[in-house]
């Protein structure tokens, strides 16, 4: 069965697009994923530090109120 050259051309373009995706997008994803994970971890650490500072501040305020009463 012979196919028109237009179909072959379309198949070649689709295959080239697939290869382009494999060669570029997947490695870029593998490179960016650790960067985003590191950013997420740093945000969690910052929020944890902020939470503990707020907790300490509230504890000191409670102690001040107790001494004032």
N, C-alpha and C. Protein backbone atom coordinates (compact mmCIF):
# COMPACT_ATOMS: atom_id res chain seq x y z
N UNK A 1 0.84 -1.18 0.00
CA UNK A 1 0.00 0.00 0.00
C UNK A 1 0.88 1.24 0.00
N UNK A 2 0.70 2.07 -0.93
CA UNK A 2 1.49 3.31 -0.97
C UNK A 2 0.65 4.43 -0.38
N UNK A 3 1.33 5.30 0.34
CA UNK A 3 0.64 6.44 0.93
C UNK A 3 1.09 7.70 0.22
N UNK A 4 0.24 8.68 0.18
CA UNK A 4 0.66 9.95 -0.44
C UNK A 4 1.82 10.56 0.34
N UNK A 5 2.63 11.33 -0.32
CA UNK A 5 3.81 11.90 0.33
C UNK A 5 3.42 12.87 1.45
N UNK A 6 2.23 13.44 1.39
CA UNK A 6 1.78 14.34 2.45
C UNK A 6 1.68 13.63 3.78
N UNK A 7 1.18 12.38 3.76
CA UNK A 7 1.08 11.61 5.00
C UNK A 7 2.45 11.27 5.55
N UNK A 8 3.37 10.91 4.65
CA UNK A 8 4.73 10.61 5.09
C UNK A 8 5.38 11.85 5.70
N UNK A 9 5.16 12.98 5.07
CA UNK A 9 5.73 14.23 5.57
C UNK A 9 5.17 14.56 6.96
N UNK A 10 3.88 14.35 7.13
CA UNK A 10 3.25 14.60 8.43
C UNK A 10 3.82 13.66 9.50
N UNK A 11 4.01 12.39 9.12
CA UNK A 11 4.58 11.43 10.07
C UNK A 11 5.99 11.83 10.46
N UNK A 12 6.77 12.26 9.50
CA UNK A 12 8.15 12.68 9.78
C UNK A 12 8.15 13.89 10.71
N UNK A 13 7.25 14.84 10.47
CA UNK A 13 7.18 16.02 11.33
C UNK A 13 6.75 15.64 12.75
N UNK A 14 5.79 14.73 12.86
CA UNK A 14 5.33 14.29 14.18
C UNK A 14 6.45 13.56 14.92
N UNK A 15 7.18 12.72 14.20
CA UNK A 15 8.28 11.99 14.82
C UNK A 15 9.39 12.94 15.24
N UNK A 16 9.66 13.95 14.40
CA UNK A 16 10.67 14.95 14.76
C UNK A 16 10.25 15.73 16.00
N UNK A 17 8.97 16.06 16.10
CA UNK A 17 8.47 16.77 17.29
C UNK A 17 8.60 15.89 18.53
N UNK A 18 8.32 14.60 18.37
CA UNK A 18 8.46 13.67 19.49
C UNK A 18 9.92 13.57 19.94
N UNK A 19 10.83 13.46 18.99
CA UNK A 19 12.26 13.41 19.34
C UNK A 19 12.71 14.70 20.00
N UNK A 20 12.21 15.84 19.50
CA UNK A 20 12.55 17.13 20.10
C UNK A 20 12.10 17.16 21.55
N UNK A 21 10.89 16.64 21.81
CA UNK A 21 10.38 16.60 23.17
C UNK A 21 11.28 15.73 24.05
N UNK A 22 11.66 14.57 23.55
CA UNK A 22 12.51 13.68 24.34
C UNK A 22 13.86 14.30 24.64
N UNK A 23 14.42 14.97 23.65
CA UNK A 23 15.78 15.48 23.78
C UNK A 23 15.82 16.75 24.63
N UNK A 24 14.79 17.58 24.57
CA UNK A 24 14.86 18.88 25.25
C UNK A 24 13.98 18.97 26.48
N UNK A 25 12.71 18.68 26.34
CA UNK A 25 11.78 18.96 27.44
C UNK A 25 11.98 18.04 28.63
N UNK A 26 12.20 16.77 28.40
CA UNK A 26 12.36 15.84 29.53
C UNK A 26 13.62 16.15 30.33
N UNK A 27 14.80 16.34 29.70
CA UNK A 27 15.97 16.72 30.50
C UNK A 27 15.80 18.05 31.23
N UNK A 28 15.14 19.00 30.60
CA UNK A 28 14.89 20.29 31.27
C UNK A 28 14.02 20.06 32.50
N UNK A 29 13.03 19.20 32.38
CA UNK A 29 12.20 18.87 33.53
C UNK A 29 12.99 18.23 34.65
N UNK A 30 13.90 17.33 34.29
CA UNK A 30 14.74 16.69 35.30
C UNK A 30 15.67 17.69 35.96
N UNK A 31 16.09 18.71 35.23
CA UNK A 31 16.96 19.72 35.82
C UNK A 31 16.19 20.69 36.70
N UNK A 32 14.97 21.03 36.31
CA UNK A 32 14.21 22.02 37.06
C UNK A 32 13.56 21.43 38.32
N UNK A 33 13.23 20.16 38.29
CA UNK A 33 12.56 19.55 39.44
C UNK A 33 13.36 19.69 40.74
N UNK A 34 14.66 19.37 40.76
CA UNK A 34 15.40 19.56 42.01
C UNK A 34 15.46 21.02 42.45
N UNK A 35 15.51 21.93 41.50
CA UNK A 35 15.54 23.36 41.85
C UNK A 35 14.25 23.74 42.55
N UNK A 36 13.10 23.30 42.01
CA UNK A 36 11.83 23.62 42.64
C UNK A 36 11.71 22.94 44.00
N UNK A 37 12.24 21.72 44.12
CA UNK A 37 12.20 21.04 45.42
C UNK A 37 13.03 21.78 46.46
N UNK A 38 14.21 22.26 46.05
CA UNK A 38 15.06 23.01 46.98
C UNK A 38 14.36 24.29 47.41
N UNK A 39 13.72 24.99 46.47
CA UNK A 39 12.99 26.21 46.81
C UNK A 39 11.86 25.89 47.80
N UNK A 40 11.15 24.80 47.55
CA UNK A 40 10.05 24.40 48.44
C UNK A 40 10.57 24.09 49.84
N UNK A 41 11.70 23.40 49.92
CA UNK A 41 12.29 23.08 51.23
C UNK A 41 12.71 24.35 51.96
N UNK A 42 13.32 25.30 51.23
CA UNK A 42 13.73 26.55 51.86
C UNK A 42 12.52 27.34 52.37
N UNK A 43 11.43 27.33 51.62
CA UNK A 43 10.21 28.01 52.08
C UNK A 43 9.69 27.35 53.35
N UNK A 44 9.69 26.02 53.39
CA UNK A 44 9.23 25.31 54.60
C UNK A 44 10.11 25.63 55.80
N UNK A 45 11.42 25.69 55.60
CA UNK A 45 12.33 26.02 56.70
C UNK A 45 12.05 27.43 57.20
N UNK A 46 11.87 28.38 56.28
CA UNK A 46 11.59 29.75 56.68
C UNK A 46 10.29 29.84 57.47
N UNK A 47 9.25 29.14 57.00
CA UNK A 47 7.97 29.17 57.71
C UNK A 47 8.10 28.53 59.09
N UNK A 48 8.90 27.49 59.20
CA UNK A 48 9.10 26.84 60.49
C UNK A 48 9.81 27.77 61.47
N UNK A 49 10.83 28.46 60.98
CA UNK A 49 11.56 29.41 61.83
C UNK A 49 10.62 30.53 62.27
N UNK A 50 9.82 31.04 61.35
CA UNK A 50 8.88 32.12 61.66
C UNK A 50 7.85 31.64 62.68
N UNK A 51 7.39 30.40 62.53
CA UNK A 51 6.41 29.85 63.47
C UNK A 51 7.00 29.77 64.88
N UNK A 52 8.24 29.29 64.98
CA UNK A 52 8.85 29.17 66.30
C UNK A 52 9.14 30.53 66.92
N UNK A 53 9.50 31.52 66.10
CA UNK A 53 9.70 32.87 66.63
C UNK A 53 8.39 33.42 67.18
N UNK A 54 7.32 33.22 66.44
CA UNK A 54 6.00 33.69 66.89
C UNK A 54 5.60 32.98 68.18
N UNK A 55 5.87 31.69 68.26
CA UNK A 55 5.53 30.93 69.47
C UNK A 55 6.31 31.47 70.68
N UNK A 56 7.60 31.73 70.49
CA UNK A 56 8.42 32.29 71.57
C UNK A 56 7.91 33.66 71.99
N UNK A 57 7.55 34.48 71.01
CA UNK A 57 7.05 35.83 71.30
C UNK A 57 5.76 35.74 72.12
N UNK A 58 4.88 34.84 71.73
CA UNK A 58 3.62 34.68 72.47
C UNK A 58 3.87 34.19 73.90
N UNK A 59 4.85 33.31 74.06
CA UNK A 59 5.18 32.80 75.40
C UNK A 59 5.70 33.92 76.29
N UNK A 60 6.56 34.78 75.74
CA UNK A 60 7.10 35.90 76.51
C UNK A 60 5.99 36.88 76.89
N UNK A 61 5.06 37.13 75.97
CA UNK A 61 3.95 38.04 76.27
C UNK A 61 3.06 37.46 77.37
N UNK A 62 2.84 36.15 77.36
CA UNK A 62 2.04 35.52 78.41
C UNK A 62 2.73 35.67 79.77
N UNK A 63 4.05 35.48 79.78
CA UNK A 63 4.79 35.62 81.04
C UNK A 63 4.73 37.06 81.55
N UNK A 64 4.80 38.03 80.65
CA UNK A 64 4.70 39.44 81.05
C UNK A 64 3.33 39.73 81.65
N UNK A 65 2.29 39.18 81.03
CA UNK A 65 0.94 39.40 81.55
C UNK A 65 0.78 38.79 82.94
N UNK A 66 1.36 37.61 83.13
CA UNK A 66 1.27 36.95 84.44
C UNK A 66 1.97 37.78 85.51
N UNK A 67 3.12 38.34 85.17
CA UNK A 67 3.86 39.14 86.17
C UNK A 67 3.15 40.46 86.44
N UNK A 68 2.45 41.00 85.45
CA UNK A 68 1.74 42.27 85.65
C UNK A 68 0.50 42.07 86.52
N UNK A 69 -0.11 40.91 86.44
CA UNK A 69 -1.30 40.66 87.26
C UNK A 69 -0.88 40.39 88.65
